[in-house]
Amino acid sequence: MKNLTIFSNHPSWIPDFSLLDKNLSIPGKLGYSWKVLRDGLPYIRIGENIILTCELQKKLIPAQVVADEVKKRLAELKKEQGFKPGKKQAQDVKEAILIKLHEQAFVTSKLINVWINEKHKTLCVESTSKGLVDDVIKRLVRDIEYHGKPIEVSNSVIGFMRKIILDDHAMAGSILRIGSNLVLQDDENKKQISYKNEDIVTEEIKNHLFQGKTPKRIELEIMRKCVSFEIDENLIISKINIDDVKIERSDYENEDDYFDSLFAMHSAQCMEIITSLLDVLGEVDQFQEAETTEEEMQQSYEDGYLAAAQGKQKSDCPIIRSELVAEWVRGFDTWHEENQATQEEVA
């Protein structure tokens, strides 16, 4: 894994991978589907880690081929008609050529890995492309009812990048250290300054920051380990480089055992990257239920009381937190107790 877009899974989400069987990939099947990986299954489980592979198949029509065909056909029409085709006619020609070329086009395939860690309740898509990641997440929601959100941190990632460059002690207590790659951007003209394989804790770079330039991407390393990676302002991890994983293929009887061992080690290193970042940035628990207030309790009681007065049934209680349900029911019952005599007279 070289790139990771991180998501936090809802604590209650338990994936049912058998649901993926409804959308398995076969050669020539256009769109997104799930590739069969091992033993006829579209996933591989290695301890607390699960890997899926989403396959995008689409027909490739090179833009230059389209342009050449359109140019050729428009020239023919001009000769036949005696005048240059107009915009509408040119557009119709292009659409007709696209339809024809689409039928003849080769199908291309792109594989996007999805890594799920059950212990840390995270899901990572191996891509930095927002559009591609969004598409894969949509398929996960549709195919295995995925319930999660993009990882959220309590501290600004840009602020963190600025701080570790400007403050020599900002990384104290962390296993992270600054690497040698950096991208700064001037927010006014959007021009970028890139530093590659350089010391990035210099007076020149500090002056750029003081002048208002914004760090967009920075390389970090894990101390005492040959692990480096880059993060951007959205905490998307890229260019993961793990040099200390040394596994010989000859030590394993088959490819499956070799892959499992290699992936177990790589995923452990990647999880260390994620947890070390969350340690310094602070992960926000997006699924923690807020404490119920007295106002909410009173409102639920009044809602239940009103529901009873309107002749509704107890089964009409809305889906809310358990303590609010209890208050709603208490209000509902209170109305009936207060109006029991009236109800008996009516009866």
Protein backbone atom coordinates (compact mmCIF):
# COMPACT_ATOMS: atom_id res chain seq x y z
CA MET A 1 0.00 0.00 0.00
CA LYS A 2 1.40 3.34 -1.08
CA ASN A 3 -1.52 5.74 -0.57
CA LEU A 4 -4.28 5.81 2.04
CA THR A 5 -7.49 7.78 2.40
CA ILE A 6 -8.70 6.98 5.92
CA PHE A 7 -12.24 6.41 7.18
CA SER A 8 -13.52 5.73 10.68
CA ASN A 9 -16.03 2.87 10.91
CA HIS A 10 -19.16 3.09 13.01
CA PRO A 11 -18.73 0.85 16.09
CA SER A 12 -21.90 -1.07 15.22
CA TRP A 13 -20.90 -1.83 11.62
CA ILE A 14 -20.17 -5.51 11.09
CA PRO A 15 -19.50 -6.20 7.40
CA ASP A 16 -21.24 -9.11 5.71
CA PHE A 17 -18.87 -9.92 2.89
CA SER A 18 -21.23 -12.49 1.40
CA LEU A 19 -23.21 -9.50 0.07
CA LEU A 20 -20.35 -8.79 -2.33
CA ASP A 21 -21.28 -11.93 -4.27
CA LYS A 22 -24.05 -9.92 -5.93
CA ASN A 23 -21.51 -7.69 -7.67
CA LEU A 24 -18.47 -9.79 -8.55
CA SER A 25 -16.14 -8.72 -11.32
CA ILE A 26 -15.96 -10.65 -14.58
CA PRO A 27 -13.97 -9.75 -17.70
CA GLY A 28 -15.76 -7.10 -19.74
CA LYS A 29 -18.20 -6.09 -17.00
CA LEU A 30 -18.14 -2.30 -17.16
CA GLY A 31 -18.26 -0.17 -14.03
CA TYR A 32 -17.24 -0.99 -10.47
CA SER A 33 -17.35 -4.52 -9.07
CA TRP A 34 -15.42 -6.71 -6.63
CA LYS A 35 -12.57 -8.89 -7.78
CA VAL A 36 -12.42 -12.50 -6.64
CA LEU A 37 -9.15 -12.76 -4.69
CA ARG A 38 -8.81 -16.23 -3.18
CA ASP A 39 -10.80 -19.47 -2.90
CA GLY A 40 -13.65 -17.96 -4.89
CA LEU A 41 -14.07 -15.13 -2.38
CA PRO A 42 -13.79 -11.36 -2.99
CA TYR A 43 -11.80 -10.75 0.20
CA ILE A 44 -8.81 -12.02 2.15
CA ARG A 45 -8.77 -12.04 5.94
CA ILE A 46 -5.39 -11.92 7.67
CA GLY A 47 -5.82 -11.66 11.42
CA GLU A 48 -7.55 -8.37 12.22
CA ASN A 49 -7.04 -7.14 8.65
CA ILE A 50 -9.27 -7.64 5.63
CA ILE A 51 -8.45 -6.66 2.09
CA LEU A 52 -10.88 -6.16 -0.79
CA THR A 53 -10.16 -5.11 -4.35
CA CYS A 54 -12.60 -2.98 -6.28
CA GLU A 55 -12.18 -3.23 -10.05
CA LEU A 56 -13.19 -0.46 -12.41
CA GLN A 57 -13.57 -1.61 -16.00
CA LYS A 58 -14.24 0.92 -18.70
CA LYS A 59 -13.69 1.33 -22.40
CA LEU A 60 -10.73 3.45 -23.39
CA ILE A 61 -11.16 5.84 -26.30
CA PRO A 62 -8.04 8.00 -26.78
CA ALA A 63 -8.93 11.67 -27.22
CA GLN A 64 -6.53 12.02 -30.13
CA VAL A 65 -8.24 9.19 -32.02
CA VAL A 66 -11.60 10.92 -31.55
CA ALA A 67 -10.18 14.26 -32.69
CA ASP A 68 -8.62 12.71 -35.81
CA GLU A 69 -11.84 10.91 -36.78
CA VAL A 70 -13.94 14.04 -36.24
CA LYS A 71 -11.54 16.16 -38.29
CA LYS A 72 -11.59 13.62 -41.10
CA ARG A 73 -15.40 13.37 -41.16
CA LEU A 74 -15.90 17.15 -41.04
CA ALA A 75 -13.55 17.55 -43.99
CA GLU A 76 -15.61 15.00 -45.93
CA LEU A 77 -18.85 16.82 -45.09
CA LYS A 78 -17.40 20.16 -46.18
CA LYS A 79 -16.47 18.65 -49.52
CA GLU A 80 -19.88 17.00 -49.95
CA GLN A 81 -21.91 20.06 -48.90
CA GLY A 82 -19.73 22.75 -50.33
CA PHE A 83 -19.62 24.64 -47.04
CA LYS A 84 -18.19 24.21 -43.55
CA PRO A 85 -20.39 22.23 -41.11
CA GLY A 86 -21.94 24.31 -38.32
CA LYS A 87 -21.55 23.75 -34.57
CA LYS A 88 -24.67 21.58 -34.29
CA GLN A 89 -23.62 19.37 -37.18
CA ALA A 90 -20.08 19.09 -35.82
CA GLN A 91 -21.44 18.04 -32.42
CA ASP A 92 -23.66 15.41 -34.04
CA VAL A 93 -20.65 14.08 -35.95
CA LYS A 94 -18.61 13.83 -32.75
CA GLU A 95 -21.37 11.97 -30.90
CA ALA A 96 -21.81 9.51 -33.77
CA ILE A 97 -18.07 8.83 -33.87
CA LEU A 98 -17.95 8.33 -30.09
CA ILE A 99 -20.74 5.74 -30.33
CA LYS A 100 -18.93 3.92 -33.13
CA LEU A 101 -15.55 3.98 -31.37
CA HIS A 102 -17.11 2.90 -28.06
CA GLU A 103 -18.29 -0.32 -29.68
CA GLN A 104 -14.77 -1.02 -30.92
CA ALA A 105 -12.83 0.18 -27.87
CA PHE A 106 -10.76 -2.07 -25.63
CA VAL A 107 -11.85 -2.56 -22.03
CA THR A 108 -9.32 -1.28 -19.50
CA SER A 109 -9.13 -2.30 -15.86
CA LYS A 110 -8.10 -0.37 -12.75
CA LEU A 111 -7.78 -2.04 -9.33
CA ILE A 112 -8.37 -0.12 -6.09
CA ASN A 113 -7.54 -1.87 -2.83
CA VAL A 114 -9.63 -1.42 0.31
CA TRP A 115 -8.07 -2.27 3.67
CA ILE A 116 -10.23 -2.79 6.75
CA ASN A 117 -8.74 -3.07 10.24
CA GLU A 118 -11.29 -4.49 12.67
CA LYS A 119 -9.34 -3.74 15.85
CA HIS A 120 -8.92 -0.03 15.15
CA LYS A 121 -12.25 0.24 13.30
CA THR A 122 -10.71 1.92 10.29
CA LEU A 123 -11.16 1.52 6.56
CA CYS A 124 -8.62 2.81 4.05
CA VAL A 125 -8.95 3.19 0.30
CA GLU A 126 -5.61 2.94 -1.49
CA SER A 127 -5.96 6.11 -3.54
CA THR A 128 -5.44 9.86 -3.23
CA SER A 129 -8.09 10.64 -5.87
CA LYS A 130 -11.17 12.08 -4.19
CA GLY A 131 -13.42 11.11 -7.09
CA LEU A 132 -12.17 7.54 -7.13
CA VAL A 133 -12.39 7.21 -3.34
CA ASP A 134 -15.94 8.60 -3.34
CA ASP A 135 -16.96 6.07 -6.00
CA VAL A 136 -15.48 3.15 -4.05
CA ILE A 137 -17.17 4.26 -0.81
CA LYS A 138 -20.51 4.50 -2.65
CA ARG A 139 -20.05 0.89 -3.79
CA LEU A 140 -19.20 -0.19 -0.24
CA VAL A 141 -22.34 1.50 1.05
CA ARG A 142 -24.43 -0.14 -1.65
CA ASP A 143 -22.84 -3.59 -1.62
CA ILE A 144 -22.01 -4.24 2.06
CA GLU A 145 -23.97 -1.44 3.75
CA TYR A 146 -20.82 0.37 4.86
CA HIS A 147 -21.34 2.78 7.76
CA GLY A 148 -18.47 5.15 8.42
CA LYS A 149 -17.11 8.65 7.91
CA PRO A 150 -13.86 10.25 6.73
CA ILE A 151 -11.44 10.45 9.64
CA GLU A 152 -11.72 13.71 11.55
CA VAL A 153 -9.08 15.26 13.80
CA SER A 154 -9.36 17.93 16.46
CA ASN A 155 -6.26 19.89 15.40
CA SER A 156 -5.67 21.59 12.07
CA VAL A 157 -3.41 19.56 9.78
CA ILE A 158 -2.07 22.75 8.18
CA GLY A 159 -1.47 24.19 11.64
CA PHE A 160 0.39 21.01 12.59
CA MET A 161 2.62 21.24 9.51
CA ARG A 162 3.42 24.89 10.25
CA LYS A 163 4.15 24.17 13.89
CA ILE A 164 6.59 21.33 13.35
CA ILE A 165 8.62 23.49 10.96
CA LEU A 166 8.62 26.60 13.15
CA ASP A 167 8.92 24.96 16.57
CA ASP A 168 11.92 22.72 17.19
CA HIS A 169 10.15 21.10 20.16
CA ALA A 170 6.77 20.53 18.49
CA MET A 171 7.50 16.84 17.89
CA ALA A 172 8.67 16.12 21.43
CA GLY A 173 7.15 12.91 22.72
CA SER A 174 6.14 11.73 19.25
CA ILE A 175 7.71 8.93 17.23
CA LEU A 176 7.41 11.16 14.15
CA ARG A 177 10.08 13.40 12.71
CA ILE A 178 10.25 15.74 9.73
CA GLY A 179 11.38 14.28 6.42
CA SER A 180 12.93 16.08 3.45
CA ASN A 181 10.02 16.90 1.12
CA LEU A 182 7.69 19.89 1.38
CA VAL A 183 5.20 21.79 -0.78
CA LEU A 184 4.22 25.37 0.08
CA GLN A 185 1.55 27.43 -1.65
CA ASP A 186 0.91 31.13 -1.99
CA ASP A 187 -2.83 31.35 -1.38
CA GLU A 188 -3.17 34.55 -3.43
CA ASN A 189 -1.70 33.40 -6.74
CA LYS A 190 -1.81 29.63 -6.03
CA LYS A 191 1.84 29.27 -7.01
CA GLN A 192 3.64 26.44 -5.28
CA ILE A 193 7.20 26.02 -4.07
CA SER A 194 8.46 22.46 -3.81
CA TYR A 195 11.41 21.18 -1.81
CA LYS A 196 12.62 17.66 -2.50
CA ASN A 197 15.33 15.79 -0.61
CA GLU A 198 16.29 18.96 1.25
CA ASP A 199 16.52 20.18 4.81
CA ILE A 200 13.11 21.79 5.26
CA VAL A 201 13.72 23.32 8.68
CA THR A 202 15.56 26.38 7.41
CA GLU A 203 15.27 30.12 7.86
CA GLU A 204 14.23 30.45 4.22
CA ILE A 205 11.25 28.14 4.68
CA LYS A 206 10.35 29.69 8.03
CA ASN A 207 10.32 33.10 6.36
CA HIS A 208 7.95 31.75 3.69
CA LEU A 209 5.58 30.66 6.44
CA PHE A 210 5.85 34.01 8.24
CA GLN A 211 4.97 35.68 4.93
CA GLY A 212 1.73 33.72 4.78
CA LYS A 213 2.55 30.78 2.55
CA THR A 214 0.63 27.62 3.41
CA PRO A 215 2.12 24.12 3.74
CA LYS A 216 0.16 21.80 1.45
CA ARG A 217 2.13 18.59 1.82
CA ILE A 218 4.99 17.40 3.99
CA GLU A 219 7.06 14.27 4.35
CA LEU A 220 7.28 12.63 7.76
CA GLU A 221 9.26 9.69 9.06
CA ILE A 222 8.88 7.27 11.94
CA MET A 223 11.96 7.42 14.13
CA ARG A 224 14.09 4.32 14.53
CA LYS A 225 12.34 2.75 11.55
CA CYS A 226 12.86 3.00 7.80
CA VAL A 227 9.35 4.30 7.22
CA SER A 228 8.51 7.54 5.42
CA PHE A 229 5.30 9.00 4.02
CA GLU A 230 3.67 12.27 3.07
CA ILE A 231 0.47 13.89 4.30
CA ASP A 232 -1.53 16.68 2.71
CA GLU A 233 -3.84 19.27 4.24
CA ASN A 234 -6.71 16.73 4.24
CA LEU A 235 -4.66 14.07 6.05
CA ILE A 236 -4.49 11.91 2.95
CA ILE A 237 -1.38 9.74 3.20
CA SER A 238 0.76 9.17 0.12
CA LYS A 239 4.16 7.88 -1.00
CA ILE A 240 4.42 5.35 1.84
CA ASN A 241 7.88 3.84 1.81
CA ILE A 242 8.66 0.90 4.10
CA ASP A 243 12.25 -0.27 3.71
CA ASP A 244 12.68 -2.47 6.75
CA VAL A 245 10.25 -5.21 5.70
CA LYS A 246 12.52 -8.01 4.53
CA ILE A 247 10.69 -11.19 3.60
CA GLU A 248 12.16 -13.77 1.28
CA ARG A 249 9.80 -15.60 -1.06
CA SER A 250 11.88 -18.74 -0.67
CA ASP A 251 10.91 -18.93 3.02
CA TYR A 252 7.30 -19.75 2.13
CA GLU A 253 5.75 -22.79 0.51
CA ASN A 254 3.29 -20.90 -1.67
CA GLU A 255 2.27 -17.44 -2.87
CA ASP A 256 -0.68 -17.19 -0.47
CA ASP A 257 1.48 -17.65 2.62
CA TYR A 258 4.05 -15.21 1.27
CA PHE A 259 1.37 -12.59 0.55
CA ASP A 260 -0.25 -13.03 3.97
CA SER A 261 3.02 -12.54 5.81
CA LEU A 262 4.01 -9.54 3.70
CA PHE A 263 0.62 -7.89 4.06
CA ALA A 264 0.51 -8.50 7.82
CA MET A 265 3.82 -6.66 8.22
CA HIS A 266 2.91 -3.84 5.85
CA SER A 267 -0.50 -3.30 7.44
CA ALA A 268 1.10 -3.17 10.90
CA GLN A 269 3.48 -0.45 9.70
CA CYS A 270 0.66 1.47 8.02
CA MET A 271 -1.44 1.29 11.18
CA GLU A 272 1.51 2.67 13.13
CA ILE A 273 1.59 5.60 10.69
CA ILE A 274 -2.12 6.24 11.24
CA THR A 275 -2.04 5.94 15.03
CA SER A 276 1.06 8.14 15.33
CA LEU A 277 -0.68 10.86 13.31
CA LEU A 278 -3.85 10.59 15.38
CA ASP A 279 -1.78 10.79 18.57
CA VAL A 280 -0.49 14.24 17.62
CA LEU A 281 -3.59 15.51 15.81
CA GLY A 282 -6.25 14.06 18.09
CA GLU A 283 -9.00 11.88 16.63
CA VAL A 284 -12.58 13.09 16.95
CA ASP A 285 -15.07 10.42 18.01
CA GLN A 286 -17.74 11.10 15.40
CA PHE A 287 -20.09 8.41 16.67
CA GLN A 288 -20.14 9.19 20.38
CA GLU A 289 -23.60 10.03 21.55
CA ALA A 290 -23.83 13.34 23.33
CA GLU A 291 -25.00 13.36 26.94
CA THR A 292 -28.73 13.84 27.23
CA THR A 293 -29.67 17.25 28.64
CA GLU A 294 -32.52 18.10 31.01
CA GLU A 295 -34.12 20.11 28.20
CA GLU A 296 -34.11 17.06 25.91
CA MET A 297 -35.62 14.90 28.65
CA GLN A 298 -38.38 17.45 29.30
CA GLN A 299 -39.07 17.84 25.58
CA SER A 300 -39.42 14.06 25.13
CA TYR A 301 -41.82 13.91 28.08
CA GLU A 302 -43.93 16.70 26.56
CA ASP A 303 -43.84 15.05 23.13
CA GLY A 304 -45.15 11.80 24.61
CA TYR A 305 -47.84 13.65 26.54
CA LEU A 306 -48.94 15.50 23.39
CA ALA A 307 -48.93 12.28 21.33
CA ALA A 308 -51.34 10.69 23.81
CA ALA A 309 -53.58 13.77 23.74
CA GLN A 310 -53.71 13.53 19.94
CA GLY A 311 -54.89 9.93 20.15
CA LYS A 312 -51.68 8.34 18.92
CA GLN A 313 -50.50 4.89 19.95
CA LYS A 314 -47.50 4.08 22.12
CA SER A 315 -45.96 2.39 19.08
CA ASP A 316 -45.76 5.85 17.48
CA CYS A 317 -42.81 6.69 19.73
CA PRO A 318 -39.96 7.90 17.48
CA ILE A 319 -36.58 6.19 17.23
CA ILE A 320 -34.50 8.10 19.79
CA ARG A 321 -32.03 7.34 22.56
CA SER A 322 -33.26 4.88 25.18
CA GLU A 323 -33.44 7.43 28.00
CA LEU A 324 -35.51 9.73 25.79
CA VAL A 325 -37.81 6.86 24.87
CA ALA A 326 -38.43 6.28 28.58
CA GLU A 327 -39.38 9.95 29.05
CA TRP A 328 -41.64 9.90 25.99
CA VAL A 329 -43.46 6.83 27.33
CA ARG A 330 -43.72 8.42 30.78
CA GLY A 331 -45.37 11.49 29.27
CA PHE A 332 -47.67 9.27 27.21
CA ASP A 333 -48.74 7.25 30.28
CA THR A 334 -49.16 10.38 32.40
CA TRP A 335 -51.72 11.82 30.00
CA HIS A 336 -53.72 8.59 30.04
CA GLU A 337 -53.61 8.43 33.85
CA GLU A 338 -54.79 12.04 34.15
CA ASN A 339 -57.57 11.49 31.65
CA GLN A 340 -58.63 8.00 32.67
CA ALA A 341 -61.84 9.18 34.35
CA THR A 342 -62.87 11.16 31.30
CA GLN A 343 -62.17 8.20 29.05
CA GLU A 344 -64.30 5.92 31.26
CA GLU A 345 -67.20 8.41 31.16
CA VAL A 346 -67.03 8.55 27.37
CA ALA A 347 -66.97 4.77 27.23
